[in-house]
Amino acid sequence: MKLVDFWDGQPLRYVLKHRNAAKGIDQELFVITFTLIPEDELETEKEKWESSKVEAKEEENSQKVMENKKTDENEQQEGFQDDDVD
């Protein structure tokens, strides 16, 4: 049986559960969601994914720069405060 024969294009979910029939308990342990990509769309999806990784890295770098600026400003303000106290 081929999974793709039943696939409707939606993301797939795998749910691992602990079932205790005696107590009527159905406890989800974890859920994995993944998307199948048809072979003819694979290269396009790969390019999109690579592009999103670059954008995420640029955003991360931008956030680090902003955090460093804030830290520098705070350190400078603290330094000025120390000078005023003396």
C-alpha atoms as a PDB file:
ATOM      1  CA  MET A   1       0.000   0.000   0.000  1.00  0.00           C
ATOM      2  CA  LYS A   2       1.417   3.364  -1.048  1.00  0.00           C
ATOM      3  CA  LEU A   3       0.858   6.351   1.224  1.00  0.00           C
ATOM      4  CA  VAL A   4       0.785   8.693  -1.735  1.00  0.00           C
ATOM      5  CA  ASP A   5      -2.333   6.919  -3.054  1.00  0.00           C
ATOM      6  CA  PHE A   6      -4.251   8.248  -0.029  1.00  0.00           C
ATOM      7  CA  TRP A   7      -2.519  11.617   0.312  1.00  0.00           C
ATOM      8  CA  ASP A   8      -4.704  14.671  -0.349  1.00  0.00           C
ATOM      9  CA  GLY A   9      -1.881  17.252  -0.304  1.00  0.00           C
ATOM     10  CA  GLN A  10      -2.346  18.239   3.327  1.00  0.00           C
ATOM     11  CA  PRO A  11       0.498  17.959   5.872  1.00  0.00           C
ATOM     12  CA  LEU A  12       0.671  14.526   7.484  1.00  0.00           C
ATOM     13  CA  ARG A  13       0.511  13.955  11.239  1.00  0.00           C
ATOM     14  CA  TYR A  14       1.927  11.080  13.218  1.00  0.00           C
ATOM     15  CA  VAL A  15       0.606  10.908  16.764  1.00  0.00           C
ATOM     16  CA  LEU A  16       2.167   8.626  19.362  1.00  0.00           C
ATOM     17  CA  LYS A  17      -0.297   7.877  22.128  1.00  0.00           C
ATOM     18  CA  HIS A  18      -0.315   5.928  25.339  1.00  0.00           C
ATOM     19  CA  ARG A  19      -3.634   4.166  25.606  1.00  0.00           C
ATOM     20  CA  ASN A  20      -4.901   2.615  28.780  1.00  0.00           C
ATOM     21  CA  ALA A  21      -8.124   0.883  27.757  1.00  0.00           C
ATOM     22  CA  ALA A  22      -8.899  -0.200  31.322  1.00  0.00           C
ATOM     23  CA  LYS A  23      -8.963   3.412  32.551  1.00  0.00           C
ATOM     24  CA  GLY A  24     -10.222   4.917  29.306  1.00  0.00           C
ATOM     25  CA  ILE A  25      -7.156   7.153  29.046  1.00  0.00           C
ATOM     26  CA  ASP A  26      -5.768   8.340  25.706  1.00  0.00           C
ATOM     27  CA  GLN A  27      -2.621  10.380  26.351  1.00  0.00           C
ATOM     28  CA  GLU A  28      -0.734  11.988  23.449  1.00  0.00           C
ATOM     29  CA  LEU A  29       3.004  11.664  23.974  1.00  0.00           C
ATOM     30  CA  PHE A  30       4.094  13.625  20.929  1.00  0.00           C
ATOM     31  CA  VAL A  31       2.968  14.717  17.469  1.00  0.00           C
ATOM     32  CA  ILE A  32       5.094  14.975  14.335  1.00  0.00           C
ATOM     33  CA  THR A  33       3.762  16.962  11.395  1.00  0.00           C
ATOM     34  CA  PHE A  34       5.467  16.787   8.034  1.00  0.00           C
ATOM     35  CA  THR A  35       4.751  17.702   4.443  1.00  0.00           C
ATOM     36  CA  LEU A  36       5.241  15.491   1.430  1.00  0.00           C
ATOM     37  CA  ILE A  37       6.618  17.252  -1.625  1.00  0.00           C
ATOM     38  CA  PRO A  38       6.050  15.794  -5.091  1.00  0.00           C
ATOM     39  CA  GLU A  39       9.320  15.138  -6.932  1.00  0.00           C
ATOM     40  CA  ASP A  40       8.508  17.637  -9.683  1.00  0.00           C
ATOM     41  CA  GLU A  41       8.208  20.416  -7.046  1.00  0.00           C
ATOM     42  CA  LEU A  42      11.215  19.359  -4.983  1.00  0.00           C
ATOM     43  CA  GLU A  43      13.768  21.745  -6.519  1.00  0.00           C
ATOM     44  CA  THR A  44      11.432  24.756  -6.168  1.00  0.00           C
ATOM     45  CA  GLU A  45      10.663  23.892  -2.544  1.00  0.00           C
ATOM     46  CA  LYS A  46      14.359  23.398  -1.800  1.00  0.00           C
ATOM     47  CA  GLU A  47      15.133  26.872  -3.175  1.00  0.00           C
ATOM     48  CA  LYS A  48      12.337  28.390  -1.050  1.00  0.00           C
ATOM     49  CA  TRP A  49      13.651  26.603   2.031  1.00  0.00           C
ATOM     50  CA  GLU A  50      17.242  27.743   1.401  1.00  0.00           C
ATOM     51  CA  SER A  51      16.006  31.297   0.875  1.00  0.00           C
ATOM     52  CA  SER A  52      14.045  31.232   4.134  1.00  0.00           C
ATOM     53  CA  LYS A  53      17.149  29.991   5.988  1.00  0.00           C
ATOM     54  CA  VAL A  54      19.135  32.958   4.649  1.00  0.00           C
ATOM     55  CA  GLU A  55      16.368  35.374   5.666  1.00  0.00           C
ATOM     56  CA  ALA A  56      16.178  33.833   9.147  1.00  0.00           C
ATOM     57  CA  LYS A  57      19.964  34.143   9.565  1.00  0.00           C
ATOM     58  CA  GLU A  58      19.854  37.788   8.455  1.00  0.00           C
ATOM     59  CA  GLU A  59      17.071  38.480  10.965  1.00  0.00           C
ATOM     60  CA  GLU A  60      19.037  36.747  13.718  1.00  0.00           C
ATOM     61  CA  ASN A  61      22.125  38.836  12.900  1.00  0.00           C
ATOM     62  CA  SER A  62      20.045  42.011  12.877  1.00  0.00           C
ATOM     63  CA  GLN A  63      18.621  41.171  16.308  1.00  0.00           C
ATOM     64  CA  LYS A  64      22.113  40.530  17.675  1.00  0.00           C
ATOM     65  CA  VAL A  65      23.288  43.914  16.381  1.00  0.00           C
ATOM     66  CA  MET A  66      20.330  45.619  18.076  1.00  0.00           C
ATOM     67  CA  GLU A  67      20.996  43.761  21.338  1.00  0.00           C
ATOM     68  CA  ASN A  68      24.662  44.758  21.218  1.00  0.00           C
ATOM     69  CA  LYS A  69      23.714  48.409  20.647  1.00  0.00           C
ATOM     70  CA  LYS A  70      21.350  48.307  23.625  1.00  0.00           C
ATOM     71  CA  THR A  71      24.014  46.681  25.782  1.00  0.00           C
ATOM     72  CA  ASP A  72      26.566  49.312  24.729  1.00  0.00           C
ATOM     73  CA  GLU A  73      24.106  52.130  25.455  1.00  0.00           C
ATOM     74  CA  ASN A  74      23.286  50.665  28.876  1.00  0.00           C
ATOM     75  CA  GLU A  75      26.953  50.265  29.718  1.00  0.00           C
ATOM     76  CA  GLN A  76      27.642  53.861  28.666  1.00  0.00           C
ATOM     77  CA  GLN A  77      24.725  55.147  30.760  1.00  0.00           C
ATOM     78  CA  GLU A  78      25.864  53.116  33.745  1.00  0.00           C
ATOM     79  CA  GLY A  79      29.377  54.524  33.304  1.00  0.00           C
ATOM     80  CA  PHE A  80      28.048  58.085  33.302  1.00  0.00           C
ATOM     81  CA  GLN A  81      25.982  57.353  36.401  1.00  0.00           C
ATOM     82  CA  ASP A  82      29.037  56.023  38.209  1.00  0.00           C
ATOM     83  CA  ASP A  83      30.959  59.202  37.317  1.00  0.00           C
ATOM     84  CA  ASP A  84      28.130  61.361  38.682  1.00  0.00           C
ATOM     85  CA  VAL A  85      28.045  59.427  41.969  1.00  0.00           C
ATOM     86  CA  ASP A  86      31.749  59.975  42.738  1.00  0.00           C
END
